[in-house]
PDB file of N, CA and C in Angstrom:
ATOM      1  N   UNK A   1      10.250 -10.211   0.139  1.00  0.00           N
ATOM      2  CA  UNK A   1       9.365 -10.763   1.580  1.00  0.00           C
ATOM      3  C   UNK A   1       7.960 -10.577   1.940  1.00  0.00           C
ATOM      4  N   UNK A   2       7.629  -9.597   1.767  1.00  0.00           N
ATOM      5  CA  UNK A   2       6.030  -9.095   2.123  1.00  0.00           C
ATOM      6  C   UNK A   2       5.588  -9.888   1.440  1.00  0.00           C
ATOM      7  N   UNK A   3       5.717 -10.034  -0.279  1.00  0.00           N
ATOM      8  CA  UNK A   3       4.949 -10.651  -1.220  1.00  0.00           C
ATOM      9  C   UNK A   3       4.799 -12.174  -0.300  1.00  0.00           C
ATOM     10  N   UNK A   4       5.886 -12.755  -0.013  1.00  0.00           N
ATOM     11  CA  UNK A   4       6.125 -13.815   0.573  1.00  0.00           C
ATOM     12  C   UNK A   4       4.849 -14.034   1.505  1.00  0.00           C
ATOM     13  N   UNK A   5       5.065 -12.815   2.235  1.00  0.00           N
ATOM     14  CA  UNK A   5       4.356 -13.488   3.690  1.00  0.00           C
ATOM     15  C   UNK A   5       2.818 -13.297   3.012  1.00  0.00           C
ATOM     16  N   UNK A   6       2.370 -12.384   2.400  1.00  0.00           N
ATOM     17  CA  UNK A   6       1.049 -11.696   2.451  1.00  0.00           C
ATOM     18  C   UNK A   6       0.773 -12.985   0.946  1.00  0.00           C
ATOM     19  N   UNK A   7       1.337 -13.819   0.433  1.00  0.00           N
ATOM     20  CA  UNK A   7       1.123 -14.787  -0.492  1.00  0.00           C
ATOM     21  C   UNK A   7      -0.047 -14.422  -1.100  1.00  0.00           C
ATOM     22  N   UNK A   8      -0.032 -13.289  -2.200  1.00  0.00           N
ATOM     23  CA  UNK A   8      -1.244 -12.644  -2.797  1.00  0.00           C
ATOM     24  C   UNK A   8      -1.279 -13.579  -4.193  1.00  0.00           C
ATOM     25  N   UNK A   9       0.145 -14.414  -4.340  1.00  0.00           N
ATOM     26  CA  UNK A   9      -0.052 -15.249  -5.541  1.00  0.00           C
ATOM     27  C   UNK A   9      -0.988 -16.480  -4.971  1.00  0.00           C
ATOM     28  N   UNK A  10      -0.733 -17.108  -3.895  1.00  0.00           N
ATOM     29  CA  UNK A  10      -0.849 -18.292  -3.462  1.00  0.00           C
ATOM     30  C   UNK A  10      -2.816 -18.042  -2.893  1.00  0.00           C
ATOM     31  N   UNK A  11      -3.693 -16.859  -3.149  1.00  0.00           N
ATOM     32  CA  UNK A  11      -4.724 -16.739  -2.495  1.00  0.00           C
ATOM     33  C   UNK A  11      -5.693 -17.460  -3.805  1.00  0.00           C
ATOM     34  N   UNK A  12      -6.863 -17.956  -2.989  1.00  0.00           N
ATOM     35  CA  UNK A  12      -7.850 -18.899  -3.012  1.00  0.00           C
ATOM     36  C   UNK A  12      -8.607 -17.875  -3.661  1.00  0.00           C
ATOM     37  N   UNK A  13      -9.433 -17.441  -4.246  1.00  0.00           N
ATOM     38  CA  UNK A  13     -10.124 -16.310  -4.499  1.00  0.00           C
ATOM     39  C   UNK A  13     -11.662 -17.148  -3.954  1.00  0.00           C
ATOM     40  N   UNK A  14     -12.042 -18.128  -4.112  1.00  0.00           N
ATOM     41  CA  UNK A  14     -13.130 -18.592  -4.239  1.00  0.00           C
ATOM     42  C   UNK A  14     -13.431 -19.583  -2.238  1.00  0.00           C
ATOM     43  N   UNK A  15     -12.297 -18.851  -1.415  1.00  0.00           N
ATOM     44  CA  UNK A  15     -11.843 -19.111  -0.392  1.00  0.00           C
ATOM     45  C   UNK A  15     -11.672 -18.121   0.704  1.00  0.00           C
ATOM     46  N   UNK A  16     -11.509 -16.926   0.074  1.00  0.00           N
ATOM     47  CA  UNK A  16     -11.335 -15.464   0.339  1.00  0.00           C
ATOM     48  C   UNK A  16     -11.959 -14.766   0.899  1.00  0.00           C
ATOM     49  N   UNK A  17     -12.550 -14.249   1.298  1.00  0.00           N
ATOM     50  CA  UNK A  17     -13.660 -13.119   1.692  1.00  0.00           C
ATOM     51  C   UNK A  17     -13.114 -11.444   2.171  1.00  0.00           C
ATOM     52  N   UNK A  18     -13.163 -10.672   0.913  1.00  0.00           N
ATOM     53  CA  UNK A  18     -13.117  -9.205   1.757  1.00  0.00           C
ATOM     54  C   UNK A  18     -14.633  -8.735   1.286  1.00  0.00           C
ATOM     55  N   UNK A  19     -15.467  -8.349   2.480  1.00  0.00           N
ATOM     56  CA  UNK A  19     -16.758  -8.042   2.398  1.00  0.00           C
ATOM     57  C   UNK A  19     -16.470  -6.325   2.611  1.00  0.00           C
ATOM     58  N   UNK A  20     -15.117  -5.592   2.978  1.00  0.00           N
ATOM     59  CA  UNK A  20     -14.945  -4.162   2.404  1.00  0.00           C
ATOM     60  C   UNK A  20     -14.465  -3.580   1.621  1.00  0.00           C
ATOM     61  N   UNK A  21     -15.159  -3.296   0.255  1.00  0.00           N
ATOM     62  CA  UNK A  21     -14.647  -2.347  -0.650  1.00  0.00           C
ATOM     63  C   UNK A  21     -13.364  -1.480  -0.466  1.00  0.00           C
ATOM     64  N   UNK A  22     -13.449  -0.988   0.354  1.00  0.00           N
ATOM     65  CA  UNK A  22     -12.340  -0.026   0.721  1.00  0.00           C
ATOM     66  C   UNK A  22     -11.096  -1.043   1.145  1.00  0.00           C
ATOM     67  N   UNK A  23     -11.272  -1.463   1.553  1.00  0.00           N
ATOM     68  CA  UNK A  23     -10.569  -2.708   2.461  1.00  0.00           C
ATOM     69  C   UNK A  23      -9.599  -3.794   1.246  1.00  0.00           C
ATOM     70  N   UNK A  24     -10.740  -3.925   0.185  1.00  0.00           N
ATOM     71  CA  UNK A  24     -10.283  -4.518  -1.499  1.00  0.00           C
ATOM     72  C   UNK A  24      -9.169  -3.574  -1.818  1.00  0.00           C
ATOM     73  N   UNK A  25      -9.697  -2.645  -2.319  1.00  0.00           N
ATOM     74  CA  UNK A  25      -9.306  -1.828  -2.912  1.00  0.00           C
ATOM     75  C   UNK A  25      -7.649  -0.912  -2.564  1.00  0.00           C
ATOM     76  N   UNK A  26      -7.834  -1.062  -0.815  1.00  0.00           N
ATOM     77  CA  UNK A  26      -6.109  -1.057  -0.387  1.00  0.00           C
ATOM     78  C   UNK A  26      -5.026  -2.016  -0.691  1.00  0.00           C
ATOM     79  N   UNK A  27      -5.723  -3.300  -0.320  1.00  0.00           N
ATOM     80  CA  UNK A  27      -5.117  -4.531  -1.036  1.00  0.00           C
ATOM     81  C   UNK A  27      -5.029  -4.421  -2.319  1.00  0.00           C
ATOM     82  N   UNK A  28      -5.474  -4.216  -3.068  1.00  0.00           N
ATOM     83  CA  UNK A  28      -4.763  -4.628  -4.496  1.00  0.00           C
ATOM     84  C   UNK A  28      -3.599  -3.223  -4.591  1.00  0.00           C
ATOM     85  N   UNK A  29      -3.517  -2.031  -4.050  1.00  0.00           N
ATOM     86  CA  UNK A  29      -2.687  -1.141  -3.945  1.00  0.00           C
ATOM     87  C   UNK A  29      -1.249  -1.349  -3.489  1.00  0.00           C
ATOM     88  N   UNK A  30      -1.872  -2.612  -2.754  1.00  0.00           N
ATOM     89  CA  UNK A  30      -0.521  -3.265  -1.915  1.00  0.00           C
ATOM     90  C   UNK A  30       0.157  -3.784  -2.702  1.00  0.00           C
ATOM     91  N   UNK A  31      -0.400  -4.861  -3.044  1.00  0.00           N
ATOM     92  CA  UNK A  31      -0.018  -5.584  -4.191  1.00  0.00           C
ATOM     93  C   UNK A  31       0.815  -5.137  -5.402  1.00  0.00           C
ATOM     94  N   UNK A  32      -0.048  -4.027  -5.900  1.00  0.00           N
ATOM     95  CA  UNK A  32       0.752  -3.072  -6.987  1.00  0.00           C
ATOM     96  C   UNK A  32       1.975  -2.494  -6.710  1.00  0.00           C
ATOM     97  N   UNK A  33       2.046  -2.004  -5.571  1.00  0.00           N
ATOM     98  CA  UNK A  33       3.102  -1.447  -4.946  1.00  0.00           C
ATOM     99  C   UNK A  33       4.098  -2.294  -4.977  1.00  0.00           C
ATOM    100  N   UNK A  34       4.138  -3.256  -4.429  1.00  0.00           N
ATOM    101  CA  UNK A  34       5.108  -4.377  -3.635  1.00  0.00           C
ATOM    102  C   UNK A  34       5.396  -5.202  -5.296  1.00  0.00           C
ATOM    103  N   UNK A  35       4.607  -4.929  -6.289  1.00  0.00           N
ATOM    104  CA  UNK A  35       5.104  -6.017  -7.647  1.00  0.00           C
ATOM    105  C   UNK A  35       5.867  -4.638  -8.516  1.00  0.00           C
ATOM    106  N   UNK A  36       6.124  -3.359  -7.724  1.00  0.00           N
ATOM    107  CA  UNK A  36       6.836  -2.304  -8.466  1.00  0.00           C
ATOM    108  C   UNK A  36       8.023  -2.751  -8.035  1.00  0.00           C
ATOM    109  N   UNK A  37       8.369  -2.683  -6.663  1.00  0.00           N
ATOM    110  CA  UNK A  37       9.618  -2.934  -5.566  1.00  0.00           C
ATOM    111  C   UNK A  37      10.201  -4.266  -6.353  1.00  0.00           C
ATOM    112  N   UNK A  38       9.461  -5.744  -6.286  1.00  0.00           N
ATOM    113  CA  UNK A  38      10.261  -6.180  -7.196  1.00  0.00           C
ATOM    114  C   UNK A  38      10.382  -5.939  -8.588  1.00  0.00           C
ATOM    115  N   UNK A  39       9.563  -4.948  -9.227  1.00  0.00           N
ATOM    116  CA  UNK A  39      10.899  -5.052 -10.522  1.00  0.00           C
ATOM    117  C   UNK A  39      12.095  -3.982 -10.038  1.00  0.00           C
ATOM    118  N   UNK A  40      11.509  -3.449  -9.489  1.00  0.00           N
ATOM    119  CA  UNK A  40      12.716  -2.305  -8.870  1.00  0.00           C
ATOM    120  C   UNK A  40      13.968  -2.896  -8.330  1.00  0.00           C
ATOM    121  N   UNK A  41      14.001  -3.966  -7.601  1.00  0.00           N
ATOM    122  CA  UNK A  41      15.536  -4.656  -7.138  1.00  0.00           C
ATOM    123  C   UNK A  41      15.382  -5.491  -8.496  1.00  0.00           C
ATOM    124  N   UNK A  42      14.690  -5.951  -9.268  1.00  0.00           N
ATOM    125  CA  UNK A  42      15.616  -6.841 -10.316  1.00  0.00           C
ATOM    126  C   UNK A  42      16.455  -5.766 -11.346  1.00  0.00           C
ATOM    127  N   UNK A  43      15.596  -4.841 -11.177  1.00  0.00           N
ATOM    128  CA  UNK A  43      16.242  -3.377 -12.284  1.00  0.00           C
ATOM    129  C   UNK A  43      17.712  -2.751 -11.559  1.00  0.00           C
ATOM    130  N   UNK A  44      17.700  -3.267 -10.250  1.00  0.00           N
ATOM    131  CA  UNK A  44      18.804  -2.764  -9.533  1.00  0.00           C
ATOM    132  C   UNK A  44      18.910  -1.153  -9.266  1.00  0.00           C
ATOM    133  N   UNK A  45      17.462  -0.566  -8.703  1.00  0.00           N
ATOM    134  CA  UNK A  45      17.033   0.779  -8.423  1.00  0.00           C
ATOM    135  C   UNK A  45      17.397   0.680  -7.403  1.00  0.00           C
ATOM    136  N   UNK A  46      18.006   2.253  -6.649  1.00  0.00           N
ATOM    137  CA  UNK A  46      18.073   2.860  -5.505  1.00  0.00           C
ATOM    138  C   UNK A  46      17.390   2.396  -4.689  1.00  0.00           C
ATOM    139  N   UNK A  47      17.852   2.048  -3.205  1.00  0.00           N
ATOM    140  CA  UNK A  47      16.810   2.250  -2.155  1.00  0.00           C
ATOM    141  C   UNK A  47      15.784   3.810  -2.198  1.00  0.00           C
ATOM    142  N   UNK A  48      16.210   4.381  -2.154  1.00  0.00           N
ATOM    143  CA  UNK A  48      15.444   5.821  -1.955  1.00  0.00           C
ATOM    144  C   UNK A  48      14.531   5.604  -3.148  1.00  0.00           C
ATOM    145  N   UNK A  49      14.706   5.004  -4.433  1.00  0.00           N
ATOM    146  CA  UNK A  49      13.499   5.051  -5.131  1.00  0.00           C
ATOM    147  C   UNK A  49      12.561   3.717  -4.594  1.00  0.00           C
ATOM    148  N   UNK A  50      13.218   2.486  -4.847  1.00  0.00           N
ATOM    149  CA  UNK A  50      12.481   1.715  -4.213  1.00  0.00           C
ATOM    150  C   UNK A  50      11.486   2.176  -2.644  1.00  0.00           C
ATOM    151  N   UNK A  51      12.126   2.887  -1.552  1.00  0.00           N
ATOM    152  CA  UNK A  51      11.359   3.244  -0.723  1.00  0.00           C
ATOM    153  C   UNK A  51      10.032   3.956  -1.193  1.00  0.00           C
ATOM    154  N   UNK A  52       9.387   4.835  -2.134  1.00  0.00           N
ATOM    155  CA  UNK A  52       8.610   5.023  -2.577  1.00  0.00           C
ATOM    156  C   UNK A  52       7.459   4.364  -2.351  1.00  0.00           C
ATOM    157  N   UNK A  53       7.596   3.148  -3.505  1.00  0.00           N
ATOM    158  CA  UNK A  53       6.344   1.946  -3.186  1.00  0.00           C
ATOM    159  C   UNK A  53       6.411   1.032  -2.309  1.00  0.00           C
ATOM    160  N   UNK A  54       7.489   1.320  -1.625  1.00  0.00           N
ATOM    161  CA  UNK A  54       7.325   0.406  -0.379  1.00  0.00           C
ATOM    162  C   UNK A  54       6.353   0.956   0.999  1.00  0.00           C
ATOM    163  N   UNK A  55       7.013   2.530   0.816  1.00  0.00           N
ATOM    164  CA  UNK A  55       5.965   3.325   1.525  1.00  0.00           C
ATOM    165  C   UNK A  55       4.816   3.202   1.569  1.00  0.00           C
ATOM    166  N   UNK A  56       4.346   3.478   0.307  1.00  0.00           N
ATOM    167  CA  UNK A  56       2.778   3.332  -0.517  1.00  0.00           C
ATOM    168  C   UNK A  56       2.133   2.192   0.320  1.00  0.00           C
ATOM    169  N   UNK A  57       2.934   1.029  -0.378  1.00  0.00           N
ATOM    170  CA  UNK A  57       2.313  -0.452   0.250  1.00  0.00           C
ATOM    171  C   UNK A  57       2.079  -0.326   1.787  1.00  0.00           C
ATOM    172  N   UNK A  58       3.352   0.253   2.565  1.00  0.00           N
ATOM    173  CA  UNK A  58       3.045   0.250   4.128  1.00  0.00           C
ATOM    174  C   UNK A  58       1.414   0.959   4.743  1.00  0.00           C
ATOM    175  N   UNK A  59       1.277   2.621   3.533  1.00  0.00           N
ATOM    176  CA  UNK A  59       0.535   3.117   4.025  1.00  0.00           C
ATOM    177  C   UNK A  59      -0.715   2.672   3.529  1.00  0.00           C
ATOM    178  N   UNK A  60      -1.141   1.609   2.460  1.00  0.00           N
ATOM    179  CA  UNK A  60      -2.563   1.387   2.316  1.00  0.00           C
ATOM    180  C   UNK A  60      -2.717   0.321   3.498  1.00  0.00           C
ATOM    181  N   UNK A  61      -1.675  -0.839   3.581  1.00  0.00           N
ATOM    182  CA  UNK A  61      -2.107  -2.045   4.845  1.00  0.00           C
ATOM    183  C   UNK A  61      -2.444  -0.772   6.245  1.00  0.00           C
ATOM    184  N   UNK A  62      -1.542   0.110   6.450  1.00  0.00           N
ATOM    185  CA  UNK A  62      -2.063   0.870   7.579  1.00  0.00           C
ATOM    186  C   UNK A  62      -3.670   1.806   7.652  1.00  0.00           C
ATOM    187  N   UNK A  63      -3.837   1.709   6.326  1.00  0.00           N
ATOM    188  CA  UNK A  63      -5.525   2.474   6.127  1.00  0.00           C
ATOM    189  C   UNK A  63      -6.378   1.321   6.237  1.00  0.00           C
ATOM    190  N   UNK A  64      -5.778   0.061   6.682  1.00  0.00           N
ATOM    191  CA  UNK A  64      -6.632  -1.555   6.754  1.00  0.00           C
ATOM    192  C   UNK A  64      -7.037  -1.404   8.376  1.00  0.00           C
ATOM    193  N   UNK A  65      -5.515  -1.638   8.778  1.00  0.00           N
ATOM    194  CA  UNK A  65      -5.217  -2.128   9.736  1.00  0.00           C
ATOM    195  C   UNK A  65      -5.672  -0.350  11.098  1.00  0.00           C
ATOM    196  N   UNK A  66      -5.218   0.504  10.875  1.00  0.00           N
ATOM    197  CA  UNK A  66      -6.027   1.346  11.552  1.00  0.00           C
ATOM    198  C   UNK A  66      -4.725   2.626  11.850  1.00  0.00           C
ATOM    199  N   UNK A  67      -3.338   2.129  11.883  1.00  0.00           N
ATOM    200  CA  UNK A  67      -2.221   2.750  11.468  1.00  0.00           C
ATOM    201  C   UNK A  67      -2.498   4.045  10.730  1.00  0.00           C
ATOM    202  N   UNK A  68      -2.677   4.215   9.894  1.00  0.00           N
ATOM    203  CA  UNK A  68      -3.593   5.439   9.157  1.00  0.00           C
ATOM    204  C   UNK A  68      -5.063   5.301   9.447  1.00  0.00           C
ATOM    205  N   UNK A  69      -5.245   6.919   9.750  1.00  0.00           N
ATOM    206  CA  UNK A  69      -6.920   7.484   9.786  1.00  0.00           C
ATOM    207  C   UNK A  69      -7.380   8.273   9.176  1.00  0.00           C
ATOM    208  N   UNK A  70      -8.432   8.771   9.057  1.00  0.00           N
ATOM    209  CA  UNK A  70      -8.531  10.014   8.435  1.00  0.00           C
ATOM    210  C   UNK A  70      -8.632  10.959   8.855  1.00  0.00           C
ATOM    211  N   UNK A  71      -7.720  11.206  10.231  1.00  0.00           N
ATOM    212  CA  UNK A  71      -7.255  12.598  10.875  1.00  0.00           C
ATOM    213  C   UNK A  71      -6.200  12.376  10.147  1.00  0.00           C
ATOM    214  N   UNK A  72      -5.009  11.579   9.875  1.00  0.00           N
ATOM    215  CA  UNK A  72      -3.628  11.677   9.745  1.00  0.00           C
ATOM    216  C   UNK A  72      -4.499  11.887   8.158  1.00  0.00           C
ATOM    217  N   UNK A  73      -4.721  11.329   6.928  1.00  0.00           N
ATOM    218  CA  UNK A  73      -5.119  11.695   6.200  1.00  0.00           C
ATOM    219  C   UNK A  73      -5.022  13.406   5.852  1.00  0.00           C
ATOM    220  N   UNK A  74      -6.324  13.713   7.088  1.00  0.00           N
ATOM    221  CA  UNK A  74      -6.670  15.112   6.791  1.00  0.00           C
ATOM    222  C   UNK A  74      -5.394  16.111   6.982  1.00  0.00           C
ATOM    223  N   UNK A  75      -5.002  15.550   8.144  1.00  0.00           N
ATOM    224  CA  UNK A  75      -3.355  16.526   8.822  1.00  0.00           C
ATOM    225  C   UNK A  75      -2.800  16.556   7.417  1.00  0.00           C
ATOM    226  N   UNK A  76      -2.416  15.751   6.904  1.00  0.00           N
ATOM    227  CA  UNK A  76      -1.355  15.135   5.402  1.00  0.00           C
ATOM    228  C   UNK A  76      -1.804  16.345   4.618  1.00  0.00           C
ATOM    229  N   UNK A  77      -3.018  16.498   4.150  1.00  0.00           N
ATOM    230  CA  UNK A  77      -3.713  16.863   3.152  1.00  0.00           C
ATOM    231  C   UNK A  77      -3.563  18.880   3.230  1.00  0.00           C
ATOM    232  N   UNK A  78      -3.779  18.881   5.131  1.00  0.00           N
ATOM    233  CA  UNK A  78      -3.753  20.135   5.109  1.00  0.00           C
ATOM    234  C   UNK A  78      -2.037  21.046   5.117  1.00  0.00           C
ATOM    235  N   UNK A  79      -1.193  20.002   5.765  1.00  0.00           N
ATOM    236  CA  UNK A  79       0.351  20.290   5.588  1.00  0.00           C
ATOM    237  C   UNK A  79       0.900  20.650   4.589  1.00  0.00           C
ATOM    238  N   UNK A  80       0.822  19.219   3.503  1.00  0.00           N
ATOM    239  CA  UNK A  80       1.157  19.225   2.445  1.00  0.00           C
ATOM    240  C   UNK A  80       1.231  20.270   1.537  1.00  0.00           C
ATOM    241  N   UNK A  81      -0.627  20.533   1.511  1.00  0.00           N
ATOM    242  CA  UNK A  81      -1.104  21.528   0.035  1.00  0.00           C
ATOM    243  C   UNK A  81      -1.624  22.526   0.698  1.00  0.00           C
ATOM    244  N   UNK A  82      -1.529  23.670  -0.557  1.00  0.00           N
ATOM    245  CA  UNK A  82      -2.040  24.585  -0.056  1.00  0.00           C
ATOM    246  C   UNK A  82      -3.342  24.612  -0.721  1.00  0.00           C
ATOM    247  N   UNK A  83      -4.603  25.028   0.163  1.00  0.00           N
ATOM    248  CA  UNK A  83      -6.390  24.680  -0.241  1.00  0.00           C
ATOM    249  C   UNK A  83      -6.665  26.140   0.164  1.00  0.00           C
ATOM    250  N   UNK A  84      -6.673  26.917  -0.052  1.00  0.00           N
ATOM    251  CA  UNK A  84      -7.832  27.988   0.218  1.00  0.00           C
ATOM    252  C   UNK A  84      -7.380  28.725   1.155  1.00  0.00           C
ATOM    253  N   UNK A  85      -7.778  29.855   1.769  1.00  0.00           N
ATOM    254  CA  UNK A  85      -7.111  30.345   3.092  1.00  0.00           C
ATOM    255  C   UNK A  85      -8.578  31.079   3.178  1.00  0.00           C
TER     256      UNK A  85
END
């Protein structure tokens, strides 16, 4: 349903302008993640496995909309990875 709402397959690249390279890259990641979700649905993967790609797509959308900030990213890095003391 997200792919339908975003209509990636119907984007007229001559009429769509994305001026921010980071946003463009994030949208490509969203598309890749959602395509993987669709592929997983067709293959009958469990919801746990599908949620990984779905969360990934939401993360990248959030990086565009401001839901995910650089402070969130840094907080995640420091909370989940051991970075020398």
